[in-house]
Amino acid sequence: MKAIFVTGGKQYYVAEGDVIYVEKLNNEVGSDIEFTEVLYADGKVGSPVVDGAIVVCSVDKHGKQKKIVVFKYKPKKKYRHKQGHRQPYTKLTVKKIIVK
């Protein structure tokens, strides 16, 4: 069974048992999360969401991605600005997809 759900302003296409990385969520490691904003589940398309569909995930860990370097530069103006960024994430495992 497959589903598309929304979290953190992004859509994720998942199946049971998939491991995904999403924007950081404020849940404890080991807890379960239920996503009710499901756009597609088992062939049913919602408008905008499928009624009664739930995606249940477990939180595996929280972390930060690899550092990226943001470098701004304007030629002939002596302007250089270097900045680093590490995006926080939450690792989720999809336990089950429920469609009523």
N, C-alpha and C. Protein backbone atom coordinates (compact mmCIF):
# COMPACT_ATOMS: atom_id res chain seq x y z
N MET A 1 0.85 -1.17 0.00
CA MET A 1 0.00 0.00 0.00
C MET A 1 0.89 1.24 0.00
N LYS A 2 0.56 2.21 -0.80
CA LYS A 2 1.33 3.45 -0.91
C LYS A 2 0.46 4.64 -0.55
N ALA A 3 1.14 5.73 -0.16
CA ALA A 3 0.41 6.94 0.22
C ALA A 3 1.28 8.16 -0.01
N ILE A 4 0.62 9.31 -0.16
CA ILE A 4 1.29 10.60 -0.23
C ILE A 4 0.74 11.43 0.92
N PHE A 5 1.66 11.92 1.79
CA PHE A 5 1.22 12.77 2.89
C PHE A 5 2.08 14.03 2.95
N VAL A 6 1.60 15.01 3.72
CA VAL A 6 2.24 16.32 3.79
C VAL A 6 2.76 16.56 5.20
N THR A 7 4.01 17.01 5.31
CA THR A 7 4.58 17.47 6.57
C THR A 7 5.71 18.44 6.26
N GLY A 8 5.78 19.49 7.03
CA GLY A 8 6.84 20.48 6.83
C GLY A 8 6.75 21.21 5.50
N GLY A 9 5.55 21.29 4.92
CA GLY A 9 5.39 21.98 3.64
C GLY A 9 5.84 21.17 2.44
N LYS A 10 6.15 19.89 2.64
CA LYS A 10 6.60 19.03 1.54
C LYS A 10 5.72 17.79 1.49
N GLN A 11 5.66 17.17 0.31
CA GLN A 11 4.88 15.96 0.13
C GLN A 11 5.82 14.76 0.01
N TYR A 12 5.44 13.64 0.64
CA TYR A 12 6.27 12.44 0.64
C TYR A 12 5.45 11.26 0.14
N TYR A 13 6.00 10.53 -0.84
CA TYR A 13 5.37 9.34 -1.41
C TYR A 13 6.02 8.13 -0.75
N VAL A 14 5.26 7.39 0.07
CA VAL A 14 5.84 6.34 0.89
C VAL A 14 5.05 5.03 0.78
N ALA A 15 5.72 3.96 1.18
CA ALA A 15 5.08 2.66 1.34
C ALA A 15 5.41 2.18 2.75
N GLU A 16 4.74 1.14 3.21
CA GLU A 16 5.01 0.61 4.55
C GLU A 16 6.43 0.08 4.61
N GLY A 17 7.15 0.47 5.68
CA GLY A 17 8.53 0.03 5.85
C GLY A 17 9.58 0.99 5.33
N ASP A 18 9.16 2.05 4.62
CA ASP A 18 10.10 3.03 4.09
C ASP A 18 10.72 3.87 5.20
N VAL A 19 11.97 4.30 4.98
CA VAL A 19 12.67 5.21 5.89
C VAL A 19 12.80 6.54 5.16
N ILE A 20 12.32 7.63 5.80
CA ILE A 20 12.38 8.95 5.17
C ILE A 20 12.96 9.96 6.14
N TYR A 21 13.49 11.04 5.59
CA TYR A 21 14.03 12.14 6.36
C TYR A 21 13.16 13.36 6.09
N VAL A 22 12.58 13.94 7.15
CA VAL A 22 11.68 15.08 7.02
C VAL A 22 12.22 16.25 7.82
N GLU A 23 11.58 17.41 7.67
CA GLU A 23 11.93 18.58 8.48
C GLU A 23 11.78 18.23 9.95
N LYS A 24 12.57 18.85 10.80
CA LYS A 24 12.61 18.50 12.23
C LYS A 24 11.23 18.61 12.87
N LEU A 25 10.86 17.54 13.59
CA LEU A 25 9.60 17.48 14.33
C LEU A 25 9.90 17.44 15.82
N ASN A 26 9.02 18.00 16.63
CA ASN A 26 9.23 18.05 18.08
C ASN A 26 8.58 16.85 18.77
N ASN A 27 9.04 15.65 18.42
CA ASN A 27 8.58 14.42 19.05
C ASN A 27 9.79 13.67 19.57
N GLU A 28 9.58 12.88 20.63
CA GLU A 28 10.68 12.13 21.22
C GLU A 28 11.05 10.92 20.37
N VAL A 29 12.31 10.52 20.46
CA VAL A 29 12.78 9.33 19.75
C VAL A 29 12.07 8.12 20.33
N GLY A 30 11.56 7.25 19.44
CA GLY A 30 10.84 6.06 19.87
C GLY A 30 9.33 6.24 19.89
N SER A 31 8.85 7.46 19.79
CA SER A 31 7.41 7.70 19.80
C SER A 31 6.82 7.54 18.40
N ASP A 32 5.50 7.42 18.33
CA ASP A 32 4.81 7.30 17.05
C ASP A 32 4.12 8.61 16.70
N ILE A 33 4.04 8.89 15.40
CA ILE A 33 3.37 10.08 14.89
C ILE A 33 2.32 9.63 13.89
N GLU A 34 1.15 10.25 13.94
CA GLU A 34 0.10 9.98 12.96
C GLU A 34 -0.09 11.20 12.08
N PHE A 35 0.06 11.01 10.78
CA PHE A 35 -0.15 12.09 9.81
C PHE A 35 -1.53 11.89 9.19
N THR A 36 -2.40 12.89 9.36
CA THR A 36 -3.77 12.80 8.85
C THR A 36 -3.97 13.57 7.56
N GLU A 37 -3.00 14.38 7.18
CA GLU A 37 -3.10 15.14 5.92
C GLU A 37 -2.57 14.28 4.78
N VAL A 38 -3.37 13.29 4.38
CA VAL A 38 -3.00 12.31 3.36
C VAL A 38 -3.69 12.70 2.06
N LEU A 39 -2.89 12.91 1.01
CA LEU A 39 -3.44 13.33 -0.29
C LEU A 39 -3.83 12.15 -1.17
N TYR A 40 -3.16 11.00 -0.98
CA TYR A 40 -3.40 9.81 -1.80
C TYR A 40 -3.14 8.59 -0.93
N ALA A 41 -4.02 7.61 -0.99
CA ALA A 41 -3.82 6.39 -0.22
C ALA A 41 -4.51 5.23 -0.92
N ASP A 42 -3.72 4.24 -1.33
CA ASP A 42 -4.26 2.99 -1.89
C ASP A 42 -5.22 3.23 -3.05
N GLY A 43 -4.86 4.10 -3.97
CA GLY A 43 -5.68 4.36 -5.15
C GLY A 43 -6.78 5.39 -4.95
N LYS A 44 -6.96 5.86 -3.73
CA LYS A 44 -7.98 6.87 -3.46
C LYS A 44 -7.33 8.25 -3.44
N VAL A 45 -7.87 9.14 -4.26
CA VAL A 45 -7.35 10.50 -4.34
C VAL A 45 -8.34 11.41 -3.63
N GLY A 46 -7.83 12.24 -2.72
CA GLY A 46 -8.69 13.14 -1.97
C GLY A 46 -8.79 14.49 -2.62
N SER A 47 -9.77 15.26 -2.15
CA SER A 47 -9.89 16.63 -2.63
C SER A 47 -10.17 17.55 -1.45
N PRO A 48 -9.21 18.09 -0.76
CA PRO A 48 -7.78 17.90 -0.95
C PRO A 48 -7.20 16.71 -0.21
N VAL A 49 -7.87 16.19 0.85
CA VAL A 49 -7.32 15.05 1.59
C VAL A 49 -8.29 13.87 1.56
N VAL A 50 -7.73 12.66 1.77
CA VAL A 50 -8.54 11.45 1.83
C VAL A 50 -9.13 11.35 3.24
N ASP A 51 -10.45 11.23 3.33
CA ASP A 51 -11.12 11.15 4.63
C ASP A 51 -10.80 9.83 5.31
N GLY A 52 -10.36 9.90 6.57
CA GLY A 52 -10.09 8.70 7.36
C GLY A 52 -8.77 8.03 7.10
N ALA A 53 -7.94 8.57 6.24
CA ALA A 53 -6.63 7.97 5.95
C ALA A 53 -5.59 8.50 6.93
N ILE A 54 -4.76 7.59 7.44
CA ILE A 54 -3.72 7.95 8.41
C ILE A 54 -2.43 7.23 8.04
N VAL A 55 -1.31 7.93 8.12
CA VAL A 55 0.01 7.33 7.96
C VAL A 55 0.68 7.36 9.33
N VAL A 56 1.02 6.18 9.85
CA VAL A 56 1.63 6.06 11.18
C VAL A 56 3.12 5.82 10.99
N CYS A 57 3.95 6.69 11.62
CA CYS A 57 5.40 6.59 11.53
C CYS A 57 6.01 6.57 12.93
N SER A 58 7.19 5.97 13.04
CA SER A 58 7.92 6.00 14.31
C SER A 58 9.16 6.86 14.14
N VAL A 59 9.50 7.62 15.18
CA VAL A 59 10.66 8.51 15.14
C VAL A 59 11.90 7.70 15.49
N ASP A 60 12.87 7.64 14.57
CA ASP A 60 14.10 6.89 14.80
C ASP A 60 15.18 7.75 15.43
N LYS A 61 15.39 8.96 14.88
CA LYS A 61 16.41 9.84 15.44
C LYS A 61 16.25 11.25 14.91
N HIS A 62 16.92 12.19 15.59
CA HIS A 62 17.01 13.57 15.15
C HIS A 62 18.47 13.84 14.83
N GLY A 63 18.72 14.74 13.90
CA GLY A 63 20.11 15.05 13.56
C GLY A 63 20.20 16.28 12.69
N LYS A 64 21.42 16.52 12.20
CA LYS A 64 21.67 17.62 11.28
C LYS A 64 22.35 17.07 10.04
N GLN A 65 22.00 17.63 8.89
CA GLN A 65 22.60 17.21 7.64
C GLN A 65 24.02 17.73 7.53
N LYS A 66 24.72 17.36 6.46
CA LYS A 66 26.08 17.85 6.25
C LYS A 66 26.06 19.35 6.02
N LYS A 67 27.16 19.99 6.38
CA LYS A 67 27.25 21.44 6.25
C LYS A 67 27.37 21.84 4.79
N ILE A 68 26.63 22.89 4.42
CA ILE A 68 26.80 23.49 3.10
C ILE A 68 27.37 24.88 3.31
N VAL A 69 28.11 25.36 2.33
CA VAL A 69 28.73 26.68 2.41
C VAL A 69 27.97 27.63 1.49
N VAL A 70 27.52 28.73 2.06
CA VAL A 70 26.84 29.77 1.29
C VAL A 70 27.84 30.89 1.12
N PHE A 71 28.23 31.16 -0.13
CA PHE A 71 29.25 32.18 -0.40
C PHE A 71 28.67 33.22 -1.34
N LYS A 72 28.58 34.46 -0.87
CA LYS A 72 28.09 35.57 -1.69
C LYS A 72 29.29 36.41 -2.10
N TYR A 73 29.28 36.87 -3.36
CA TYR A 73 30.42 37.58 -3.91
C TYR A 73 29.93 38.56 -4.97
N LYS A 74 30.42 39.79 -4.89
CA LYS A 74 30.12 40.77 -5.92
C LYS A 74 31.45 41.25 -6.50
N PRO A 75 31.65 41.05 -7.79
CA PRO A 75 32.93 41.41 -8.38
C PRO A 75 33.19 42.92 -8.37
N LYS A 76 34.45 43.27 -8.16
CA LYS A 76 34.95 44.66 -8.21
C LYS A 76 34.41 45.53 -7.08
N LYS A 77 33.74 44.97 -6.08
CA LYS A 77 33.16 45.78 -5.00
C LYS A 77 33.71 45.41 -3.63
N LYS A 78 34.65 44.47 -3.57
CA LYS A 78 35.26 44.01 -2.32
C LYS A 78 34.20 43.47 -1.35
N TYR A 79 33.20 42.77 -1.89
CA TYR A 79 32.15 42.19 -1.06
C TYR A 79 32.25 40.68 -1.14
N ARG A 80 32.55 40.06 -0.01
CA ARG A 80 32.59 38.61 0.11
C ARG A 80 31.96 38.24 1.45
N HIS A 81 31.04 37.29 1.42
CA HIS A 81 30.37 36.87 2.64
C HIS A 81 30.25 35.36 2.63
N LYS A 82 30.89 34.69 3.60
CA LYS A 82 30.88 33.23 3.70
C LYS A 82 30.08 32.82 4.93
N GLN A 83 29.18 31.87 4.73
CA GLN A 83 28.31 31.43 5.82
C GLN A 83 28.05 29.94 5.66
N GLY A 84 27.98 29.21 6.77
CA GLY A 84 27.67 27.79 6.74
C GLY A 84 26.26 27.53 7.24
N HIS A 85 25.70 26.37 6.87
CA HIS A 85 24.34 26.02 7.30
C HIS A 85 24.22 24.51 7.41
N ARG A 86 23.61 24.04 8.51
CA ARG A 86 23.30 22.62 8.69
C ARG A 86 21.81 22.51 9.00
N GLN A 87 21.07 21.86 8.12
CA GLN A 87 19.62 21.74 8.25
C GLN A 87 19.27 20.61 9.22
N PRO A 88 18.46 20.86 10.25
CA PRO A 88 18.03 19.79 11.14
C PRO A 88 16.97 18.90 10.47
N TYR A 89 16.98 17.60 10.84
CA TYR A 89 16.03 16.66 10.25
C TYR A 89 15.56 15.67 11.30
N THR A 90 14.50 14.94 10.96
CA THR A 90 14.00 13.83 11.76
C THR A 90 13.90 12.61 10.85
N LYS A 91 14.45 11.50 11.31
CA LYS A 91 14.40 10.25 10.54
C LYS A 91 13.17 9.47 10.99
N LEU A 92 12.29 9.11 10.03
CA LEU A 92 11.05 8.40 10.31
C LEU A 92 11.02 7.06 9.59
N THR A 93 10.38 6.07 10.21
CA THR A 93 10.10 4.79 9.56
C THR A 93 8.58 4.65 9.49
N VAL A 94 8.07 4.37 8.29
CA VAL A 94 6.63 4.24 8.09
C VAL A 94 6.20 2.86 8.61
N LYS A 95 5.34 2.84 9.63
CA LYS A 95 4.87 1.58 10.21
C LYS A 95 3.70 1.03 9.42
N LYS A 96 2.63 1.83 9.28
CA LYS A 96 1.46 1.35 8.55
C LYS A 96 0.67 2.50 7.96
N ILE A 97 -0.10 2.17 6.94
CA ILE A 97 -0.97 3.12 6.26
C ILE A 97 -2.40 2.61 6.43
N ILE A 98 -3.24 3.43 7.06
CA ILE A 98 -4.61 3.03 7.37
C ILE A 98 -5.58 3.82 6.47
N VAL A 99 -6.45 3.08 5.78
CA VAL A 99 -7.48 3.72 4.95
C VAL A 99 -8.83 3.16 5.41
N LYS A 100 -9.72 4.06 5.80
CA LYS A 100 -11.04 3.62 6.30
C LYS A 100 -12.08 3.74 5.23
